[in-house]
C-alpha atoms as a PDB file:
ATOM      1  CA  MET A   1     -11.027  45.146  12.819  1.00  0.00           C
ATOM      2  CA  SER A   2     -13.320  42.181  12.251  1.00  0.00           C
ATOM      3  CA  GLU A   3     -11.486  41.402   9.016  1.00  0.00           C
ATOM      4  CA  LEU A   4      -8.171  41.345  10.870  1.00  0.00           C
ATOM      5  CA  ARG A   5      -9.603  38.952  13.443  1.00  0.00           C
ATOM      6  CA  LYS A   6     -10.948  36.713  10.674  1.00  0.00           C
ATOM      7  CA  GLU A   7      -7.550  36.606   8.964  1.00  0.00           C
ATOM      8  CA  GLY A   8      -5.918  35.818  12.309  1.00  0.00           C
ATOM      9  CA  ARG A   9      -8.260  32.885  12.889  1.00  0.00           C
ATOM     10  CA  GLN A  10      -7.568  31.566   9.385  1.00  0.00           C
ATOM     11  CA  SER A  11      -3.804  31.720   9.856  1.00  0.00           C
ATOM     12  CA  GLU A  12      -4.181  29.977  13.213  1.00  0.00           C
ATOM     13  CA  ALA A  13      -6.298  27.226  11.627  1.00  0.00           C
ATOM     14  CA  LEU A  14      -3.630  26.649   8.976  1.00  0.00           C
ATOM     15  CA  ASP A  15      -0.827  26.229  11.511  1.00  0.00           C
ATOM     16  CA  VAL A  16       0.161  22.535  11.212  1.00  0.00           C
ATOM     17  CA  CYS A  17       3.501  22.665  13.004  1.00  0.00           C
ATOM     18  CA  HIS A  18       2.057  20.691  15.917  1.00  0.00           C
ATOM     19  CA  LEU A  19       1.071  17.711  13.759  1.00  0.00           C
ATOM     20  CA  PRO A  20       3.199  14.541  13.962  1.00  0.00           C
ATOM     21  CA  THR A  21       5.749  14.008  11.209  1.00  0.00           C
ATOM     22  CA  PHE A  22       5.356  10.209  11.148  1.00  0.00           C
ATOM     23  CA  ALA A  23       2.743   7.545  11.830  1.00  0.00           C
ATOM     24  CA  PHE A  24       2.442   3.781  12.069  1.00  0.00           C
ATOM     25  CA  GLY A  25       0.142   1.343  10.313  1.00  0.00           C
ATOM     26  CA  GLN A  26      -2.368   2.436   7.704  1.00  0.00           C
ATOM     27  CA  ARG A  27      -1.619   6.117   8.333  1.00  0.00           C
ATOM     28  CA  SER A  28       1.881   5.612   6.943  1.00  0.00           C
ATOM     29  CA  PRO A  29       2.701   5.624   3.200  1.00  0.00           C
ATOM     30  CA  MET A  30       5.422   3.079   4.020  1.00  0.00           C
ATOM     31  CA  TRP A  31       2.739   0.660   5.250  1.00  0.00           C
ATOM     32  CA  TRP A  32       0.859   0.877   1.952  1.00  0.00           C
ATOM     33  CA  GLY A  33       4.092   0.405  -0.001  1.00  0.00           C
ATOM     34  CA  THR A  34       4.969  -2.679   2.047  1.00  0.00           C
ATOM     35  CA  MET A  35       1.489  -4.173   1.579  1.00  0.00           C
ATOM     36  CA  GLY A  36       1.659  -3.547  -2.166  1.00  0.00           C
ATOM     37  CA  LEU A  37       5.053  -5.230  -2.380  1.00  0.00           C
ATOM     38  CA  ILE A  38       3.770  -8.214  -0.393  1.00  0.00           C
ATOM     39  CA  ALA A  39       0.758  -8.523  -2.717  1.00  0.00           C
ATOM     40  CA  ILE A  40       2.989  -8.552  -5.813  1.00  0.00           C
ATOM     41  CA  GLU A  41       5.444 -11.059  -4.377  1.00  0.00           C
ATOM     42  CA  THR A  42       2.654 -13.322  -3.136  1.00  0.00           C
ATOM     43  CA  THR A  43       1.379 -13.452  -6.711  1.00  0.00           C
ATOM     44  CA  VAL A  44       4.854 -14.380  -7.984  1.00  0.00           C
ATOM     45  CA  PHE A  45       5.170 -17.205  -5.439  1.00  0.00           C
ATOM     46  CA  ALA A  46       1.685 -18.450  -6.333  1.00  0.00           C
ATOM     47  CA  LEU A  47       2.543 -18.539 -10.045  1.00  0.00           C
ATOM     48  CA  VAL A  48       5.724 -20.562  -9.416  1.00  0.00           C
ATOM     49  CA  VAL A  49       3.835 -23.014  -7.167  1.00  0.00           C
ATOM     50  CA  MET A  50       1.181 -23.411  -9.879  1.00  0.00           C
ATOM     51  CA  SER A  51       3.962 -24.087 -12.390  1.00  0.00           C
ATOM     52  CA  TYR A  52       5.335 -26.781 -10.081  1.00  0.00           C
ATOM     53  CA  PHE A  53       2.031 -28.648  -9.957  1.00  0.00           C
ATOM     54  CA  TYR A  54       1.376 -28.079 -13.670  1.00  0.00           C
ATOM     55  CA  LEU A  55       4.695 -29.727 -14.505  1.00  0.00           C
ATOM     56  CA  ARG A  56       3.998 -32.513 -12.052  1.00  0.00           C
ATOM     57  CA  SER A  57       0.611 -33.244 -13.654  1.00  0.00           C
ATOM     58  CA  HIS A  58       2.342 -33.805 -17.023  1.00  0.00           C
ATOM     59  CA  ALA A  59       5.276 -35.875 -15.768  1.00  0.00           C
ATOM     60  CA  SER A  60       5.254 -39.662 -15.725  1.00  0.00           C
ATOM     61  CA  VAL A  61       7.849 -39.654 -12.923  1.00  0.00           C
ATOM     62  CA  TRP A  62       8.035 -37.083 -10.150  1.00  0.00           C
ATOM     63  CA  PRO A  63      10.523 -35.921  -9.144  1.00  0.00           C
ATOM     64  CA  MET A  64      12.239 -36.397 -12.473  1.00  0.00           C
ATOM     65  CA  SER A  65      15.553 -36.886 -10.701  1.00  0.00           C
ATOM     66  CA  ARG A  66      13.901 -39.814  -8.814  1.00  0.00           C
ATOM     67  CA  PHE A  67      15.301 -38.452  -5.538  1.00  0.00           C
ATOM     68  CA  ALA A  68      13.320 -36.068  -3.371  1.00  0.00           C
ATOM     69  CA  PRO A  69      15.177 -33.274  -1.527  1.00  0.00           C
ATOM     70  CA  GLU A  70      16.666 -34.275   1.798  1.00  0.00           C
ATOM     71  CA  LEU A  71      14.462 -33.168   4.674  1.00  0.00           C
ATOM     72  CA  VAL A  72      17.007 -32.289   7.334  1.00  0.00           C
ATOM     73  CA  TRP A  73      18.203 -28.837   6.239  1.00  0.00           C
ATOM     74  CA  GLY A  74      14.810 -27.595   5.110  1.00  0.00           C
ATOM     75  CA  THR A  75      13.255 -28.701   8.383  1.00  0.00           C
ATOM     76  CA  VAL A  76      16.020 -27.078  10.435  1.00  0.00           C
ATOM     77  CA  ASN A  77      15.514 -23.851   8.521  1.00  0.00           C
ATOM     78  CA  THR A  78      11.780 -23.993   9.085  1.00  0.00           C
ATOM     79  CA  GLY A  79      12.392 -24.140  12.823  1.00  0.00           C
ATOM     80  CA  ILE A  80      14.839 -21.221  12.684  1.00  0.00           C
ATOM     81  CA  MET A  81      12.397 -19.205  10.611  1.00  0.00           C
ATOM     82  CA  LEU A  82       9.473 -19.803  12.987  1.00  0.00           C
ATOM     83  CA  PHE A  83      11.544 -18.912  16.059  1.00  0.00           C
ATOM     84  CA  SER A  84      12.728 -15.717  14.335  1.00  0.00           C
ATOM     85  CA  ALA A  85       9.173 -14.411  14.706  1.00  0.00           C
ATOM     86  CA  LEU A  86       9.876 -13.809  18.425  1.00  0.00           C
ATOM     87  CA  PRO A  87      12.691 -11.228  18.110  1.00  0.00           C
ATOM     88  CA  ASN A  88      10.876  -9.782  15.108  1.00  0.00           C
ATOM     89  CA  TRP A  89       7.739  -9.251  17.222  1.00  0.00           C
ATOM     90  CA  TYR A  90       9.893  -7.738  19.985  1.00  0.00           C
ATOM     91  CA  ALA A  91      11.549  -5.288  17.584  1.00  0.00           C
ATOM     92  CA  LYS A  92       8.221  -4.274  16.042  1.00  0.00           C
ATOM     93  CA  ARG A  93       6.610  -3.628  19.424  1.00  0.00           C
ATOM     94  CA  ALA A  94       9.662  -1.681  20.598  1.00  0.00           C
ATOM     95  CA  SER A  95       9.653   0.503  17.479  1.00  0.00           C
ATOM     96  CA  GLU A  96       5.997   1.407  17.952  1.00  0.00           C
ATOM     97  CA  ARG A  97       6.761   2.411  21.567  1.00  0.00           C
ATOM     98  CA  LEU A  98       9.750   4.465  20.331  1.00  0.00           C
ATOM     99  CA  ASP A  99      11.912   2.311  22.604  1.00  0.00           C
ATOM    100  CA  LEU A 100      15.405   2.783  21.190  1.00  0.00           C
ATOM    101  CA  LYS A 101      17.100   0.228  23.443  1.00  0.00           C
ATOM    102  CA  GLY A 102      14.446  -2.393  22.644  1.00  0.00           C
ATOM    103  CA  VAL A 103      14.736  -1.701  18.916  1.00  0.00           C
ATOM    104  CA  ARG A 104      18.498  -2.110  19.017  1.00  0.00           C
ATOM    105  CA  ILE A 105      18.280  -5.416  20.888  1.00  0.00           C
ATOM    106  CA  GLY A 106      15.503  -6.700  18.630  1.00  0.00           C
ATOM    107  CA  LEU A 107      17.328  -5.822  15.416  1.00  0.00           C
ATOM    108  CA  ILE A 108      20.545  -7.495  16.548  1.00  0.00           C
ATOM    109  CA  LEU A 109      18.638 -10.664  17.429  1.00  0.00           C
ATOM    110  CA  CYS A 110      16.888 -10.548  14.048  1.00  0.00           C
ATOM    111  CA  MET A 111      20.259 -10.264  12.328  1.00  0.00           C
ATOM    112  CA  LEU A 112      21.555 -13.338  14.167  1.00  0.00           C
ATOM    113  CA  PHE A 113      18.527 -15.377  13.084  1.00  0.00           C
ATOM    114  CA  SER A 114      18.877 -14.113   9.501  1.00  0.00           C
ATOM    115  CA  ALA A 115      22.540 -15.114   9.389  1.00  0.00           C
ATOM    116  CA  ALA A 116      21.704 -18.575  10.749  1.00  0.00           C
ATOM    117  CA  PHE A 117      18.944 -19.056   8.208  1.00  0.00           C
ATOM    118  CA  LEU A 118      21.087 -17.974   5.269  1.00  0.00           C
ATOM    119  CA  GLY A 119      23.884 -20.279   6.399  1.00  0.00           C
ATOM    120  CA  VAL A 120      21.567 -23.264   6.495  1.00  0.00           C
ATOM    121  CA  ARG A 121      20.007 -22.186   3.186  1.00  0.00           C
ATOM    122  CA  VAL A 122      23.366 -22.833   1.519  1.00  0.00           C
ATOM    123  CA  MET A 123      23.137 -26.416   2.771  1.00  0.00           C
ATOM    124  CA  GLU A 124      19.585 -26.659   1.449  1.00  0.00           C
ATOM    125  CA  PHE A 125      20.701 -25.964  -2.089  1.00  0.00           C
ATOM    126  CA  THR A 126      23.259 -28.767  -1.835  1.00  0.00           C
ATOM    127  CA  ALA A 127      20.582 -31.211  -0.634  1.00  0.00           C
ATOM    128  CA  LEU A 128      17.981 -30.728  -3.392  1.00  0.00           C
ATOM    129  CA  ASN A 129      19.303 -33.794  -5.248  1.00  0.00           C
ATOM    130  CA  THR A 130      18.876 -32.024  -8.575  1.00  0.00           C
ATOM    131  CA  ARG A 131      20.582 -29.290 -10.593  1.00  0.00           C
ATOM    132  CA  TRP A 132      18.736 -26.241 -11.817  1.00  0.00           C
ATOM    133  CA  ASP A 133      19.442 -27.215 -15.426  1.00  0.00           C
ATOM    134  CA  SER A 134      18.846 -30.976 -15.133  1.00  0.00           C
ATOM    135  CA  ASN A 135      15.148 -30.965 -16.075  1.00  0.00           C
ATOM    136  CA  ALA A 136      11.888 -29.072 -15.556  1.00  0.00           C
ATOM    137  CA  TYR A 137      11.602 -30.352 -11.984  1.00  0.00           C
ATOM    138  CA  GLY A 138      15.066 -29.067 -11.088  1.00  0.00           C
ATOM    139  CA  SER A 139      14.363 -25.688 -12.686  1.00  0.00           C
ATOM    140  CA  VAL A 140      11.103 -25.061 -10.845  1.00  0.00           C
ATOM    141  CA  VAL A 141      12.475 -26.215  -7.475  1.00  0.00           C
ATOM    142  CA  TRP A 142      15.558 -24.018  -7.801  1.00  0.00           C
ATOM    143  CA  MET A 143      13.367 -21.124  -8.928  1.00  0.00           C
ATOM    144  CA  LEU A 144      11.079 -21.465  -5.914  1.00  0.00           C
ATOM    145  CA  LEU A 145      13.908 -21.767  -3.412  1.00  0.00           C
ATOM    146  CA  GLY A 146      15.890 -19.057  -5.173  1.00  0.00           C
ATOM    147  CA  LEU A 147      13.019 -16.564  -5.080  1.00  0.00           C
ATOM    148  CA  HIS A 148      12.569 -17.043  -1.369  1.00  0.00           C
ATOM    149  CA  THR A 149      16.321 -16.687  -0.854  1.00  0.00           C
ATOM    150  CA  VAL A 150      16.263 -13.352  -2.691  1.00  0.00           C
ATOM    151  CA  HIS A 151      13.627 -12.147  -0.224  1.00  0.00           C
ATOM    152  CA  LEU A 152      15.756 -13.360   2.669  1.00  0.00           C
ATOM    153  CA  VAL A 153      18.866 -11.592   1.415  1.00  0.00           C
ATOM    154  CA  THR A 154      16.929  -8.390   0.698  1.00  0.00           C
ATOM    155  CA  ASP A 155      15.335  -8.237   4.124  1.00  0.00           C
ATOM    156  CA  THR A 156      18.576  -9.207   5.869  1.00  0.00           C
ATOM    157  CA  TYR A 157      20.329  -6.318   4.121  1.00  0.00           C
ATOM    158  CA  ASP A 158      17.490  -3.959   5.049  1.00  0.00           C
ATOM    159  CA  THR A 159      17.680  -5.112   8.681  1.00  0.00           C
ATOM    160  CA  LEU A 160      21.449  -4.584   8.687  1.00  0.00           C
ATOM    161  CA  VAL A 161      21.073  -1.030   7.390  1.00  0.00           C
ATOM    162  CA  LEU A 162      18.411  -0.247   9.994  1.00  0.00           C
ATOM    163  CA  THR A 163      20.576  -1.752  12.742  1.00  0.00           C
ATOM    164  CA  VAL A 164      23.452   0.547  11.773  1.00  0.00           C
ATOM    165  CA  LEU A 165      21.171   3.586  11.558  1.00  0.00           C
ATOM    166  CA  MET A 166      19.570   2.908  14.934  1.00  0.00           C
ATOM    167  CA  HIS A 167      23.037   2.735  16.506  1.00  0.00           C
ATOM    168  CA  THR A 168      24.560   5.729  14.736  1.00  0.00           C
ATOM    169  CA  GLY A 169      21.653   8.046  13.902  1.00  0.00           C
ATOM    170  CA  PRO A 170      20.214  10.430  13.018  1.00  0.00           C
ATOM    171  CA  LEU A 171      17.279   9.004  15.000  1.00  0.00           C
ATOM    172  CA  GLU A 172      14.294  10.577  13.284  1.00  0.00           C
ATOM    173  CA  GLY A 173      10.814   9.313  14.102  1.00  0.00           C
ATOM    174  CA  LYS A 174      10.417   7.850  10.637  1.00  0.00           C
ATOM    175  CA  ARG A 175      13.266   5.423  11.396  1.00  0.00           C
ATOM    176  CA  TYR A 176      11.006   3.707  13.914  1.00  0.00           C
ATOM    177  CA  VAL A 177       8.367   3.419  11.189  1.00  0.00           C
ATOM    178  CA  ASP A 178      10.985   1.843   8.910  1.00  0.00           C
ATOM    179  CA  VAL A 179      11.772  -0.746  11.590  1.00  0.00           C
ATOM    180  CA  SER A 180       8.084  -1.513  12.097  1.00  0.00           C
ATOM    181  CA  GLU A 181       7.452  -2.045   8.386  1.00  0.00           C
ATOM    182  CA  ASN A 182      10.639  -4.068   7.982  1.00  0.00           C
ATOM    183  CA  CYS A 183       9.350  -6.381  10.704  1.00  0.00           C
ATOM    184  CA  ALA A 184       5.988  -6.627   8.938  1.00  0.00           C
ATOM    185  CA  TYR A 185       7.794  -7.696   5.775  1.00  0.00           C
ATOM    186  CA  TRP A 186       9.751 -10.320   7.720  1.00  0.00           C
ATOM    187  CA  TYR A 187       6.430 -11.833   8.836  1.00  0.00           C
ATOM    188  CA  PHE A 188       5.648 -12.246   5.153  1.00  0.00           C
ATOM    189  CA  VAL A 189       9.015 -13.953   4.579  1.00  0.00           C
ATOM    190  CA  ILE A 190       8.275 -16.326   7.471  1.00  0.00           C
ATOM    191  CA  PHE A 191       4.737 -17.285   6.518  1.00  0.00           C
ATOM    192  CA  SER A 192       5.455 -17.534   2.791  1.00  0.00           C
ATOM    193  CA  TRP A 193       8.135 -20.112   3.598  1.00  0.00           C
ATOM    194  CA  ILE A 194       5.660 -22.586   5.142  1.00  0.00           C
ATOM    195  CA  PRO A 195       3.797 -23.433   1.896  1.00  0.00           C
ATOM    196  CA  ILE A 196       7.061 -23.260  -0.067  1.00  0.00           C
ATOM    197  CA  TYR A 197       8.631 -25.777   2.319  1.00  0.00           C
ATOM    198  CA  ALA A 198       5.598 -28.041   1.905  1.00  0.00           C
ATOM    199  CA  VAL A 199       5.787 -27.884  -1.898  1.00  0.00           C
ATOM    200  CA  ILE A 200       9.534 -28.426  -2.214  1.00  0.00           C
ATOM    201  CA  TYR A 201      10.022 -31.090   0.427  1.00  0.00           C
ATOM    202  CA  TRP A 202       6.676 -32.881   0.546  1.00  0.00           C
ATOM    203  CA  GLY A 203       5.362 -32.245  -2.954  1.00  0.00           C
ATOM    204  CA  ALA A 204       8.035 -34.642  -4.191  1.00  0.00           C
ATOM    205  CA  ARG A 205       7.019 -37.292  -1.630  1.00  0.00           C
ATOM    206  CA  ILE A 206       3.236 -37.391  -1.870  1.00  0.00           C
END
């Protein structure tokens, strides 16, 4: 009888059906994956920025095209990018509260900001005053702006997919985690742009 009771207690202790199937922050594997990706991409950006200043230290004239990039489009995009932190913060908070309506609104606003930024980014490329194959200066500037654009396009696509899923379902709990981590990645896209903007637009003027 005592053995039966012991086995019953063991089976009860192993019952994990009541445990949550998703979690936010450091308890989520998605969080660790996002942080690892950010660490790798930060290293890539740092290497390209170092290449920029290495080339500059060996050039008699900088920029080699003798014309620095025009400030207007890059500055406009910086403003759009900084303001996009507001709907991004709203969407992240809503996802962690499991607020479906808030998540939907936040994601749509994020998509609008992403579309605006990508539209202005096209104008940025036309205002660099150098071609990618003109010289070393042109190559490194296009590389730096191009890398950041790849991140923008990737996260915009991810946000679009999440927007569709949150409007059509299935609405599993892990979808809210996906939204939260997507917003965390967008913070990286925002804050990585600030030093990149400084290098591209002011590194050629100092």
